[in-house]
Amino acid sequence: MHPYTYRIRFLLIHPTMNFSKIRDELTSVPGLNSGRPMNFGEERFSHKGEKLEGTYFDSRWGFDFETSDEWRKSEDQTASNSINEILERLEPHKQRFNNLAKSGCDIELILVIGVESNTGEVLKPELLRRLSEFNISLGLDLYPPDKT
């Protein structure tokens, strides 16, 4: 297959949960970069910090393990290998993820792939099993090359 670029991010969604405490607990995971929780009923703000109209209709919190603003390159490490490494870091918190899922939280690992030509990635059953042990759904986001 042709090389590709990618990013990996997580998104947690719950109808009403306040993610601030969970964020504080999980920021001890090595390499975790936390986004700002957007909690149900709180005032809305843009990503630039500007106040928006209304309140959040659900709760959302995202995080990633990126070390720079640059996209990762499959020639350096495949997305599957990166996901495995991230799950190793999260292993001590597996029960936390399972408890979140039991409370109605949707937990997504989003694999964002930049595609310029025919390419692909194989996610083997072992990796998919590991994701399911955390109650993590796999999302795929495909992006064409940036023409700007």
N, C-alpha and C. Protein backbone atom coordinates (compact mmCIF):
# COMPACT_ATOMS: atom_id res chain seq x y z
N MET A 1 0.83 -1.19 0.00
CA MET A 1 0.00 0.00 0.00
C MET A 1 0.87 1.25 0.00
N HIS A 2 0.27 2.32 -0.46
CA HIS A 2 0.96 3.60 -0.49
C HIS A 2 1.04 4.19 0.92
N PRO A 3 2.05 4.99 1.20
CA PRO A 3 2.13 5.65 2.51
C PRO A 3 0.95 6.60 2.72
N TYR A 4 0.68 6.88 3.95
CA TYR A 4 -0.40 7.80 4.32
C TYR A 4 0.01 8.59 5.55
N THR A 5 -0.73 9.64 5.82
CA THR A 5 -0.55 10.41 7.05
C THR A 5 -1.78 10.21 7.91
N TYR A 6 -1.63 10.40 9.21
CA TYR A 6 -2.77 10.17 10.09
C TYR A 6 -2.59 10.90 11.41
N ARG A 7 -3.72 11.00 12.11
CA ARG A 7 -3.78 11.51 13.47
C ARG A 7 -4.74 10.61 14.23
N ILE A 8 -4.57 10.55 15.53
CA ILE A 8 -5.45 9.75 16.38
C ILE A 8 -5.96 10.65 17.49
N ARG A 9 -7.29 10.64 17.66
CA ARG A 9 -7.86 11.44 18.73
C ARG A 9 -9.01 10.66 19.37
N PHE A 10 -9.36 11.06 20.55
CA PHE A 10 -10.45 10.43 21.28
C PHE A 10 -11.56 11.45 21.51
N LEU A 11 -12.80 10.96 21.53
CA LEU A 11 -13.95 11.80 21.84
C LEU A 11 -14.88 11.01 22.76
N LEU A 12 -15.23 11.61 23.89
CA LEU A 12 -16.19 11.04 24.83
C LEU A 12 -17.44 11.90 24.80
N ILE A 13 -18.59 11.24 24.69
CA ILE A 13 -19.88 11.94 24.62
C ILE A 13 -20.83 11.29 25.62
N HIS A 14 -21.49 12.11 26.42
CA HIS A 14 -22.48 11.63 27.39
C HIS A 14 -23.62 12.64 27.45
N PRO A 15 -24.84 12.20 27.69
CA PRO A 15 -25.95 13.16 27.73
C PRO A 15 -25.80 14.25 28.78
N THR A 16 -25.27 13.92 29.98
CA THR A 16 -25.25 14.92 31.06
C THR A 16 -23.98 14.94 31.91
N MET A 17 -23.09 14.00 31.78
CA MET A 17 -21.93 13.88 32.67
C MET A 17 -21.01 15.10 32.60
N ASN A 18 -20.48 15.48 33.75
CA ASN A 18 -19.47 16.53 33.81
C ASN A 18 -18.10 15.86 33.67
N PHE A 19 -17.39 16.16 32.57
CA PHE A 19 -16.12 15.51 32.28
C PHE A 19 -14.92 16.16 32.96
N SER A 20 -15.10 17.21 33.72
CA SER A 20 -13.97 17.90 34.33
C SER A 20 -13.18 16.99 35.27
N LYS A 21 -13.85 16.23 36.13
CA LYS A 21 -13.17 15.35 37.08
C LYS A 21 -12.46 14.21 36.33
N ILE A 22 -13.10 13.66 35.33
CA ILE A 22 -12.51 12.57 34.55
C ILE A 22 -11.27 13.07 33.82
N ARG A 23 -11.36 14.28 33.27
CA ARG A 23 -10.19 14.87 32.61
C ARG A 23 -9.04 14.97 33.61
N ASP A 24 -9.32 15.46 34.82
CA ASP A 24 -8.28 15.61 35.83
C ASP A 24 -7.65 14.26 36.18
N GLU A 25 -8.46 13.20 36.23
CA GLU A 25 -7.94 11.86 36.54
C GLU A 25 -7.07 11.32 35.41
N LEU A 26 -7.49 11.51 34.17
CA LEU A 26 -6.79 10.91 33.04
C LEU A 26 -5.60 11.72 32.54
N THR A 27 -5.47 12.96 32.97
CA THR A 27 -4.32 13.74 32.49
C THR A 27 -3.00 13.22 33.08
N SER A 28 -3.06 12.27 34.01
CA SER A 28 -1.84 11.64 34.52
C SER A 28 -1.28 10.61 33.53
N VAL A 29 -2.05 10.25 32.51
CA VAL A 29 -1.58 9.29 31.51
C VAL A 29 -0.46 9.95 30.71
N PRO A 30 0.71 9.31 30.63
CA PRO A 30 1.84 9.92 29.91
C PRO A 30 1.49 10.27 28.46
N GLY A 31 1.75 11.52 28.09
CA GLY A 31 1.55 11.97 26.72
C GLY A 31 0.15 12.42 26.37
N LEU A 32 -0.81 12.32 27.30
CA LEU A 32 -2.18 12.71 26.99
C LEU A 32 -2.30 14.23 26.94
N ASN A 33 -2.82 14.72 25.83
CA ASN A 33 -3.09 16.16 25.65
C ASN A 33 -4.59 16.35 25.74
N SER A 34 -5.01 17.05 26.76
CA SER A 34 -6.44 17.22 27.02
C SER A 34 -7.02 18.43 26.31
N GLY A 35 -8.19 18.22 25.77
CA GLY A 35 -8.99 19.34 25.30
C GLY A 35 -9.83 19.87 26.46
N ARG A 36 -10.59 20.90 26.18
CA ARG A 36 -11.46 21.50 27.20
C ARG A 36 -12.79 20.75 27.22
N PRO A 37 -13.21 20.26 28.39
CA PRO A 37 -14.53 19.62 28.45
C PRO A 37 -15.64 20.62 28.12
N MET A 38 -16.62 20.17 27.40
CA MET A 38 -17.82 20.97 27.12
C MET A 38 -18.97 20.22 27.79
N ASN A 39 -19.39 20.69 28.94
CA ASN A 39 -20.34 19.97 29.78
C ASN A 39 -21.78 20.44 29.57
N PHE A 40 -22.68 19.47 29.63
CA PHE A 40 -24.11 19.72 29.49
C PHE A 40 -24.56 20.90 30.34
N GLY A 41 -25.30 21.81 29.73
CA GLY A 41 -25.89 22.93 30.44
C GLY A 41 -24.98 24.13 30.64
N GLU A 42 -23.68 23.99 30.38
CA GLU A 42 -22.77 25.12 30.53
C GLU A 42 -22.83 26.03 29.30
N GLU A 43 -22.42 27.27 29.49
CA GLU A 43 -22.39 28.22 28.37
C GLU A 43 -21.46 27.72 27.28
N ARG A 44 -21.84 27.97 26.04
CA ARG A 44 -21.04 27.54 24.89
C ARG A 44 -19.97 28.57 24.55
N PHE A 45 -18.80 28.05 24.12
CA PHE A 45 -17.69 28.88 23.67
C PHE A 45 -17.10 28.27 22.40
N SER A 46 -16.60 29.13 21.53
CA SER A 46 -15.92 28.65 20.33
C SER A 46 -14.55 28.10 20.74
N HIS A 47 -13.88 27.44 19.79
CA HIS A 47 -12.54 26.92 20.06
C HIS A 47 -11.55 28.04 20.31
N LYS A 48 -11.90 29.26 19.90
CA LYS A 48 -11.04 30.42 20.15
C LYS A 48 -11.39 31.11 21.46
N GLY A 49 -12.38 30.57 22.20
CA GLY A 49 -12.73 31.14 23.49
C GLY A 49 -13.81 32.21 23.44
N GLU A 50 -14.41 32.42 22.26
CA GLU A 50 -15.46 33.43 22.14
C GLU A 50 -16.79 32.84 22.58
N LYS A 51 -17.54 33.62 23.39
CA LYS A 51 -18.84 33.16 23.89
C LYS A 51 -19.82 33.01 22.73
N LEU A 52 -20.54 31.88 22.75
CA LEU A 52 -21.55 31.59 21.74
C LEU A 52 -22.92 31.60 22.41
N GLU A 53 -23.95 31.64 21.61
CA GLU A 53 -25.31 31.65 22.12
C GLU A 53 -25.69 30.27 22.66
N GLY A 54 -26.42 30.25 23.76
CA GLY A 54 -26.97 29.01 24.28
C GLY A 54 -26.03 28.23 25.20
N THR A 55 -26.47 26.99 25.51
CA THR A 55 -25.69 26.10 26.37
C THR A 55 -25.48 24.78 25.65
N TYR A 56 -24.55 23.98 26.14
CA TYR A 56 -24.27 22.68 25.53
C TYR A 56 -25.45 21.74 25.78
N PHE A 57 -25.86 21.00 24.74
CA PHE A 57 -27.01 20.10 24.85
C PHE A 57 -26.60 18.70 25.31
N ASP A 58 -25.30 18.42 25.32
CA ASP A 58 -24.76 17.20 25.89
C ASP A 58 -23.35 17.52 26.37
N SER A 59 -22.64 16.50 26.86
CA SER A 59 -21.28 16.70 27.34
C SER A 59 -20.30 16.01 26.40
N ARG A 60 -19.18 16.71 26.10
CA ARG A 60 -18.16 16.18 25.20
C ARG A 60 -16.79 16.55 25.73
N TRP A 61 -15.87 15.60 25.55
CA TRP A 61 -14.48 15.86 25.91
C TRP A 61 -13.58 15.09 24.97
N GLY A 62 -12.57 15.76 24.44
CA GLY A 62 -11.64 15.13 23.53
C GLY A 62 -10.22 15.22 24.03
N PHE A 63 -9.42 14.27 23.61
CA PHE A 63 -7.99 14.29 23.92
C PHE A 63 -7.24 13.51 22.86
N ASP A 64 -5.93 13.71 22.85
CA ASP A 64 -5.09 12.97 21.91
C ASP A 64 -3.73 12.72 22.54
N PHE A 65 -2.87 12.09 21.77
CA PHE A 65 -1.51 11.80 22.21
C PHE A 65 -0.50 12.34 21.20
N GLU A 66 -0.87 13.37 20.47
CA GLU A 66 0.00 13.91 19.45
C GLU A 66 1.15 14.69 20.10
N THR A 67 2.31 14.60 19.48
CA THR A 67 3.49 15.28 20.02
C THR A 67 3.80 16.57 19.26
N SER A 68 3.09 16.81 18.16
CA SER A 68 3.28 18.04 17.39
C SER A 68 2.03 18.30 16.57
N ASP A 69 2.02 19.41 15.86
CA ASP A 69 0.91 19.72 14.96
C ASP A 69 1.03 18.98 13.63
N GLU A 70 2.17 18.32 13.41
CA GLU A 70 2.39 17.58 12.18
C GLU A 70 1.62 16.26 12.21
N TRP A 71 1.12 15.85 11.07
CA TRP A 71 0.46 14.55 10.97
C TRP A 71 1.53 13.46 11.04
N ARG A 72 1.18 12.33 11.62
CA ARG A 72 2.08 11.19 11.68
C ARG A 72 2.21 10.58 10.28
N LYS A 73 3.33 9.89 10.03
CA LYS A 73 3.56 9.27 8.73
C LYS A 73 3.61 7.76 8.90
N SER A 74 2.88 7.05 8.05
CA SER A 74 2.85 5.59 8.14
C SER A 74 4.22 4.97 7.91
N GLU A 75 5.10 5.67 7.18
CA GLU A 75 6.45 5.15 6.96
C GLU A 75 7.23 5.08 8.28
N ASP A 76 6.90 5.96 9.23
CA ASP A 76 7.56 5.98 10.53
C ASP A 76 6.93 4.97 11.49
N GLN A 77 5.62 4.91 11.51
CA GLN A 77 4.88 3.99 12.36
C GLN A 77 3.46 3.87 11.83
N THR A 78 2.96 2.65 11.68
CA THR A 78 1.60 2.47 11.18
C THR A 78 0.59 2.94 12.22
N ALA A 79 -0.60 3.26 11.76
CA ALA A 79 -1.67 3.66 12.67
C ALA A 79 -1.97 2.54 13.66
N SER A 80 -1.99 1.31 13.20
CA SER A 80 -2.26 0.17 14.10
C SER A 80 -1.26 0.11 15.23
N ASN A 81 0.02 0.27 14.92
CA ASN A 81 1.04 0.24 15.96
C ASN A 81 0.89 1.41 16.93
N SER A 82 0.55 2.59 16.41
CA SER A 82 0.33 3.75 17.27
C SER A 82 -0.85 3.51 18.22
N ILE A 83 -1.94 2.96 17.69
CA ILE A 83 -3.12 2.67 18.52
C ILE A 83 -2.75 1.68 19.62
N ASN A 84 -1.99 0.65 19.28
CA ASN A 84 -1.55 -0.32 20.30
C ASN A 84 -0.75 0.35 21.40
N GLU A 85 0.16 1.25 21.03
CA GLU A 85 0.95 1.96 22.04
C GLU A 85 0.08 2.82 22.94
N ILE A 86 -0.91 3.48 22.36
CA ILE A 86 -1.82 4.31 23.16
C ILE A 86 -2.62 3.45 24.13
N LEU A 87 -3.10 2.30 23.66
CA LEU A 87 -3.87 1.41 24.55
C LEU A 87 -3.00 0.90 25.70
N GLU A 88 -1.72 0.70 25.45
CA GLU A 88 -0.81 0.32 26.55
C GLU A 88 -0.78 1.41 27.62
N ARG A 89 -0.72 2.66 27.18
CA ARG A 89 -0.70 3.78 28.14
C ARG A 89 -2.01 3.86 28.92
N LEU A 90 -3.11 3.51 28.27
CA LEU A 90 -4.43 3.60 28.90
C LEU A 90 -4.78 2.37 29.73
N GLU A 91 -4.01 1.30 29.61
CA GLU A 91 -4.33 0.03 30.28
C GLU A 91 -4.65 0.19 31.77
N PRO A 92 -3.89 0.97 32.54
CA PRO A 92 -4.22 1.11 33.97
C PRO A 92 -5.59 1.77 34.21
N HIS A 93 -6.18 2.37 33.17
CA HIS A 93 -7.46 3.07 33.31
C HIS A 93 -8.60 2.34 32.59
N LYS A 94 -8.36 1.09 32.22
CA LYS A 94 -9.36 0.32 31.46
C LYS A 94 -10.70 0.26 32.20
N GLN A 95 -10.67 0.02 33.51
CA GLN A 95 -11.93 -0.07 34.26
C GLN A 95 -12.67 1.26 34.24
N ARG A 96 -11.94 2.37 34.26
CA ARG A 96 -12.56 3.70 34.18
C ARG A 96 -13.34 3.82 32.87
N PHE A 97 -12.74 3.38 31.76
CA PHE A 97 -13.42 3.44 30.47
C PHE A 97 -14.66 2.54 30.46
N ASN A 98 -14.55 1.35 31.05
CA ASN A 98 -15.70 0.46 31.12
C ASN A 98 -16.82 1.06 31.96
N ASN A 99 -16.46 1.69 33.06
CA ASN A 99 -17.47 2.34 33.91
C ASN A 99 -18.15 3.49 33.17
N LEU A 100 -17.36 4.26 32.43
CA LEU A 100 -17.94 5.35 31.63
C LEU A 100 -18.95 4.80 30.63
N ALA A 101 -18.57 3.72 29.95
CA ALA A 101 -19.47 3.13 28.96
C ALA A 101 -20.76 2.63 29.62
N LYS A 102 -20.64 2.00 30.79
CA LYS A 102 -21.83 1.51 31.50
C LYS A 102 -22.76 2.65 31.90
N SER A 103 -22.20 3.86 32.09
CA SER A 103 -23.01 5.01 32.49
C SER A 103 -23.68 5.68 31.28
N GLY A 104 -23.44 5.16 30.08
CA GLY A 104 -24.05 5.74 28.89
C GLY A 104 -23.11 6.60 28.06
N CYS A 105 -21.84 6.57 28.37
CA CYS A 105 -20.86 7.36 27.64
C CYS A 105 -20.45 6.64 26.35
N ASP A 106 -20.42 7.38 25.26
CA ASP A 106 -19.91 6.88 23.99
C ASP A 106 -18.45 7.28 23.91
N ILE A 107 -17.56 6.29 23.79
CA ILE A 107 -16.12 6.53 23.75
C ILE A 107 -15.62 6.16 22.37
N GLU A 108 -15.03 7.13 21.68
CA GLU A 108 -14.60 6.91 20.31
C GLU A 108 -13.10 7.18 20.17
N LEU A 109 -12.40 6.26 19.52
CA LEU A 109 -11.05 6.52 19.04
C LEU A 109 -11.24 6.84 17.56
N ILE A 110 -10.83 8.03 17.16
CA ILE A 110 -11.04 8.46 15.78
C ILE A 110 -9.69 8.45 15.07
N LEU A 111 -9.60 7.61 14.05
CA LEU A 111 -8.41 7.54 13.22
C LEU A 111 -8.65 8.43 12.01
N VAL A 112 -7.90 9.51 11.94
CA VAL A 112 -8.02 10.49 10.86
C VAL A 112 -6.90 10.18 9.87
N ILE A 113 -7.26 9.87 8.63
CA ILE A 113 -6.27 9.49 7.62
C ILE A 113 -6.31 10.51 6.49
N GLY A 114 -5.14 11.03 6.15
CA GLY A 114 -5.00 11.91 5.00
C GLY A 114 -4.70 11.05 3.78
N VAL A 115 -5.55 11.15 2.77
CA VAL A 115 -5.40 10.31 1.58
C VAL A 115 -5.09 11.16 0.36
N GLU A 116 -4.04 10.79 -0.33
CA GLU A 116 -3.69 11.46 -1.58
C GLU A 116 -3.81 10.50 -2.75
N SER A 117 -3.83 9.20 -2.44
CA SER A 117 -3.96 8.18 -3.46
C SER A 117 -4.49 6.91 -2.78
N ASN A 118 -4.61 5.86 -3.55
CA ASN A 118 -5.07 4.60 -3.01
C ASN A 118 -4.16 4.17 -1.86
N THR A 119 -4.74 3.97 -0.70
CA THR A 119 -3.96 3.55 0.47
C THR A 119 -4.86 2.77 1.40
N GLY A 120 -4.32 2.22 2.43
CA GLY A 120 -5.14 1.47 3.37
C GLY A 120 -4.36 1.09 4.61
N GLU A 121 -5.08 0.58 5.57
CA GLU A 121 -4.50 0.11 6.83
C GLU A 121 -5.34 -1.08 7.27
N VAL A 122 -4.70 -2.11 7.75
CA VAL A 122 -5.39 -3.29 8.25
C VAL A 122 -5.39 -3.25 9.77
N LEU A 123 -6.58 -3.31 10.34
CA LEU A 123 -6.73 -3.36 11.79
C LEU A 123 -7.05 -4.81 12.13
N LYS A 124 -6.09 -5.49 12.71
CA LYS A 124 -6.20 -6.93 12.96
C LYS A 124 -7.16 -7.21 14.11
N PRO A 125 -7.70 -8.44 14.14
CA PRO A 125 -8.66 -8.80 15.19
C PRO A 125 -8.14 -8.55 16.61
N GLU A 126 -6.87 -8.77 16.85
CA GLU A 126 -6.31 -8.54 18.19
C GLU A 126 -6.47 -7.08 18.61
N LEU A 127 -6.20 -6.16 17.70
CA LEU A 127 -6.34 -4.73 18.01
C LEU A 127 -7.81 -4.38 18.24
N LEU A 128 -8.69 -4.89 17.39
CA LEU A 128 -10.13 -4.62 17.56
C LEU A 128 -10.64 -5.21 18.87
N ARG A 129 -10.13 -6.38 19.26
CA ARG A 129 -10.51 -6.98 20.54
C ARG A 129 -10.07 -6.08 21.69
N ARG A 130 -8.83 -5.57 21.60
CA ARG A 130 -8.33 -4.68 22.67
C ARG A 130 -9.19 -3.43 22.79
N LEU A 131 -9.57 -2.83 21.66
CA LEU A 131 -10.46 -1.67 21.70
C LEU A 131 -11.77 -2.02 22.39
N SER A 132 -12.33 -3.19 22.06
CA SER A 132 -13.61 -3.58 22.65
C SER A 132 -13.48 -3.83 24.15
N GLU A 133 -12.30 -4.27 24.62
CA GLU A 133 -12.11 -4.46 26.05
C GLU A 133 -12.20 -3.15 26.83
N PHE A 134 -11.94 -2.04 26.16
CA PHE A 134 -12.07 -0.71 26.76
C PHE A 134 -13.44 -0.09 26.49
N ASN A 135 -14.27 -0.78 25.71
CA ASN A 135 -15.55 -0.24 25.24
C ASN A 135 -15.33 0.99 24.38
N ILE A 136 -14.30 0.95 23.56
CA ILE A 136 -13.97 2.06 22.67
C ILE A 136 -14.41 1.70 21.26
N SER A 137 -15.22 2.58 20.66
CA SER A 137 -15.62 2.44 19.26
C SER A 137 -14.53 3.03 18.38
N LEU A 138 -14.40 2.49 17.18
CA LEU A 138 -13.42 2.99 16.23
C LEU A 138 -14.13 3.83 15.17
N GLY A 139 -13.71 5.08 15.03
CA GLY A 139 -14.23 5.95 14.00
C GLY A 139 -13.15 6.22 12.97
N LEU A 140 -13.52 6.32 11.72
CA LEU A 140 -12.58 6.64 10.64
C LEU A 140 -12.99 7.95 10.00
N ASP A 141 -12.03 8.84 9.86
CA ASP A 141 -12.23 10.14 9.22
C ASP A 141 -11.22 10.23 8.09
N LEU A 142 -11.66 10.39 6.86
CA LEU A 142 -10.76 10.47 5.71
C LEU A 142 -10.75 11.87 5.16
N TYR A 143 -9.54 12.37 4.87
CA TYR A 143 -9.40 13.73 4.37
C TYR A 143 -8.57 13.74 3.10
N PRO A 144 -9.04 14.50 2.10
CA PRO A 144 -8.22 14.66 0.89
C PRO A 144 -7.07 15.62 1.17
N PRO A 145 -6.12 15.70 0.25
CA PRO A 145 -5.01 16.65 0.46
C PRO A 145 -5.50 18.07 0.59
N ASP A 146 -4.80 18.84 1.41
CA ASP A 146 -5.10 20.26 1.57
C ASP A 146 -4.58 21.01 0.36
N LYS A 147 -5.45 21.66 -0.38
CA LYS A 147 -5.07 22.36 -1.60
C LYS A 147 -4.69 23.81 -1.37
N THR A 148 -4.67 24.26 -0.12
CA THR A 148 -4.34 25.66 0.13
C THR A 148 -2.86 25.89 0.24
